[in-house]
Amino acid sequence: MTKLELPEGLKTLGASAFLGKARTEKEDGSFDYDGCSAIEEIVLPSTLTTLEASVFENLYQLYKVNLENVQTINGKAFAYAGAGRTDDKLAPIVVRPSG
């Protein structure tokens, strides 16, 4: 898996929600996040405003996340994210002050 698209309606991603994990669809149509840190891109819904601690920690291949509507990013949300990349895709995160 390289791209993870989260559904509209989410407002908060809880602590350690994707801590080195990837999405797997179960037979009942729900989703499980387990086992893999191969995610390269995460598409956040426009409704998401908060990322809790360690939410994307250890996603070693991550290099792209849209943060346009995120207002709060808690501690270690991206700890070691992108650390496993061996190419030049990883770009710095730029956070603009509100107001």
C-alpha atoms as a PDB file:
ATOM      1  CA  MET A   1       0.000   0.000   0.000  1.00  0.00           C
ATOM      2  CA  THR A   2       1.352   3.386  -0.858  1.00  0.00           C
ATOM      3  CA  LYS A   3      -1.625   5.751  -0.580  1.00  0.00           C
ATOM      4  CA  LEU A   4      -4.152   6.022   2.251  1.00  0.00           C
ATOM      5  CA  GLU A   5      -7.286   8.126   1.746  1.00  0.00           C
ATOM      6  CA  LEU A   6      -9.312   8.797   4.875  1.00  0.00           C
ATOM      7  CA  PRO A   7     -13.077   9.367   4.576  1.00  0.00           C
ATOM      8  CA  GLU A   8     -14.806  12.731   4.996  1.00  0.00           C
ATOM      9  CA  GLY A   9     -16.415  13.281   8.374  1.00  0.00           C
ATOM     10  CA  LEU A  10     -13.365  12.513  10.515  1.00  0.00           C
ATOM     11  CA  LYS A  11     -12.493  15.364  12.871  1.00  0.00           C
ATOM     12  CA  THR A  12      -9.700  13.822  14.950  1.00  0.00           C
ATOM     13  CA  LEU A  13      -7.198  11.014  14.484  1.00  0.00           C
ATOM     14  CA  GLY A  14      -6.494   9.436  17.874  1.00  0.00           C
ATOM     15  CA  ALA A  15      -3.100   8.828  19.415  1.00  0.00           C
ATOM     16  CA  SER A  16      -1.044   6.136  17.680  1.00  0.00           C
ATOM     17  CA  ALA A  17      -3.887   5.445  15.215  1.00  0.00           C
ATOM     18  CA  PHE A  18      -1.485   4.539  12.394  1.00  0.00           C
ATOM     19  CA  LEU A  19       1.665   3.887  14.393  1.00  0.00           C
ATOM     20  CA  GLY A  20       3.595   2.049  11.698  1.00  0.00           C
ATOM     21  CA  LYS A  21       0.437   0.440  10.358  1.00  0.00           C
ATOM     22  CA  ALA A  22      -1.541   0.219   7.118  1.00  0.00           C
ATOM     23  CA  ARG A  23      -5.203  -0.122   6.199  1.00  0.00           C
ATOM     24  CA  THR A  24      -6.741  -3.496   5.404  1.00  0.00           C
ATOM     25  CA  GLU A  25     -10.376  -3.929   4.397  1.00  0.00           C
ATOM     26  CA  LYS A  26     -12.179  -6.672   6.314  1.00  0.00           C
ATOM     27  CA  GLU A  27     -14.961  -8.878   4.933  1.00  0.00           C
ATOM     28  CA  ASP A  28     -17.659  -6.802   6.663  1.00  0.00           C
ATOM     29  CA  GLY A  29     -16.505  -3.637   4.882  1.00  0.00           C
ATOM     30  CA  SER A  30     -14.870  -2.073   7.938  1.00  0.00           C
ATOM     31  CA  PHE A  31     -11.159  -1.323   8.066  1.00  0.00           C
ATOM     32  CA  ASP A  32      -8.302  -2.566  10.168  1.00  0.00           C
ATOM     33  CA  TYR A  33      -4.956  -0.823  10.416  1.00  0.00           C
ATOM     34  CA  ASP A  34      -2.200  -3.311  11.040  1.00  0.00           C
ATOM     35  CA  GLY A  35       1.235  -4.512  10.227  1.00  0.00           C
ATOM     36  CA  CYS A  36       2.781  -2.421   7.444  1.00  0.00           C
ATOM     37  CA  SER A  37       4.684   0.851   7.291  1.00  0.00           C
ATOM     38  CA  ALA A  38       4.734   1.136   3.483  1.00  0.00           C
ATOM     39  CA  ILE A  39       2.339   4.117   3.300  1.00  0.00           C
ATOM     40  CA  GLU A  40       3.887   6.913   1.221  1.00  0.00           C
ATOM     41  CA  GLU A  41       0.982   9.327   0.975  1.00  0.00           C
ATOM     42  CA  ILE A  42      -1.959  10.151   3.246  1.00  0.00           C
ATOM     43  CA  VAL A  43      -4.954  12.139   2.016  1.00  0.00           C
ATOM     44  CA  LEU A  44      -6.743  13.714   4.960  1.00  0.00           C
ATOM     45  CA  PRO A  45     -10.407  14.735   4.675  1.00  0.00           C
ATOM     46  CA  SER A  46     -11.312  18.446   4.779  1.00  0.00           C
ATOM     47  CA  THR A  47     -13.165  17.808   8.061  1.00  0.00           C
ATOM     48  CA  LEU A  48     -10.076  16.631   9.953  1.00  0.00           C
ATOM     49  CA  THR A  49      -8.683  19.314  12.265  1.00  0.00           C
ATOM     50  CA  THR A  50      -6.659  17.435  14.922  1.00  0.00           C
ATOM     51  CA  LEU A  51      -3.795  14.938  14.813  1.00  0.00           C
ATOM     52  CA  GLU A  52      -3.116  13.358  18.197  1.00  0.00           C
ATOM     53  CA  ALA A  53       0.280  12.191  19.497  1.00  0.00           C
ATOM     54  CA  SER A  54       2.210   9.589  17.488  1.00  0.00           C
ATOM     55  CA  VAL A  55      -0.593   9.266  14.936  1.00  0.00           C
ATOM     56  CA  PHE A  56       1.796   8.675  12.003  1.00  0.00           C
ATOM     57  CA  GLU A  57       4.870   7.651  13.999  1.00  0.00           C
ATOM     58  CA  ASN A  58       7.138   5.084  12.326  1.00  0.00           C
ATOM     59  CA  LEU A  59       5.532   5.369   8.883  1.00  0.00           C
ATOM     60  CA  TYR A  60       9.017   5.100   7.438  1.00  0.00           C
ATOM     61  CA  GLN A  61       8.066   5.575   3.795  1.00  0.00           C
ATOM     62  CA  LEU A  62       5.711   8.559   4.315  1.00  0.00           C
ATOM     63  CA  TYR A  63       6.549  11.661   2.317  1.00  0.00           C
ATOM     64  CA  LYS A  64       3.269  13.404   1.520  1.00  0.00           C
ATOM     65  CA  VAL A  65       0.355  14.526   3.737  1.00  0.00           C
ATOM     66  CA  ASN A  66      -2.102  17.327   3.064  1.00  0.00           C
ATOM     67  CA  LEU A  67      -2.421  19.463   6.216  1.00  0.00           C
ATOM     68  CA  GLU A  68      -4.536  22.340   4.863  1.00  0.00           C
ATOM     69  CA  ASN A  69      -7.369  22.045   7.402  1.00  0.00           C
ATOM     70  CA  VAL A  70      -5.416  20.635  10.350  1.00  0.00           C
ATOM     71  CA  GLN A  71      -5.369  23.113  13.239  1.00  0.00           C
ATOM     72  CA  THR A  72      -3.723  21.022  15.977  1.00  0.00           C
ATOM     73  CA  ILE A  73      -0.788  18.630  15.712  1.00  0.00           C
ATOM     74  CA  ASN A  74       0.179  16.983  18.992  1.00  0.00           C
ATOM     75  CA  GLY A  75       3.551  15.623  20.109  1.00  0.00           C
ATOM     76  CA  LYS A  76       5.426  13.116  17.984  1.00  0.00           C
ATOM     77  CA  ALA A  77       2.629  13.006  15.400  1.00  0.00           C
ATOM     78  CA  PHE A  78       5.224  12.450  12.669  1.00  0.00           C
ATOM     79  CA  ALA A  79       8.111  10.955  14.690  1.00  0.00           C
ATOM     80  CA  TYR A  80      10.384   8.990  12.332  1.00  0.00           C
ATOM     81  CA  ALA A  81       7.913   9.424   9.475  1.00  0.00           C
ATOM     82  CA  GLY A  82       9.841   9.280   6.217  1.00  0.00           C
ATOM     83  CA  ALA A  83      12.981   8.087   8.007  1.00  0.00           C
ATOM     84  CA  GLY A  84      13.266   5.022   5.787  1.00  0.00           C
ATOM     85  CA  ARG A  85      13.280   6.891   2.491  1.00  0.00           C
ATOM     86  CA  THR A  86      16.392   6.667   0.355  1.00  0.00           C
ATOM     87  CA  ASP A  87      15.253   9.108  -2.324  1.00  0.00           C
ATOM     88  CA  ASP A  88      14.747  12.874  -2.387  1.00  0.00           C
ATOM     89  CA  LYS A  89      10.925  12.836  -2.058  1.00  0.00           C
ATOM     90  CA  LEU A  90      10.883  13.827   1.619  1.00  0.00           C
ATOM     91  CA  ALA A  91      10.256  17.555   1.947  1.00  0.00           C
ATOM     92  CA  PRO A  92      10.200  19.643   5.095  1.00  0.00           C
ATOM     93  CA  ILE A  93       6.843  20.309   6.746  1.00  0.00           C
ATOM     94  CA  VAL A  94       5.917  23.978   6.687  1.00  0.00           C
ATOM     95  CA  VAL A  95       3.408  25.123   9.286  1.00  0.00           C
ATOM     96  CA  ARG A  96       1.853  28.542   8.861  1.00  0.00           C
ATOM     97  CA  PRO A  97       0.654  30.429  11.930  1.00  0.00           C
ATOM     98  CA  SER A  98      -3.091  30.930  12.196  1.00  0.00           C
ATOM     99  CA  GLY A  99      -4.699  34.320  11.915  1.00  0.00           C
END
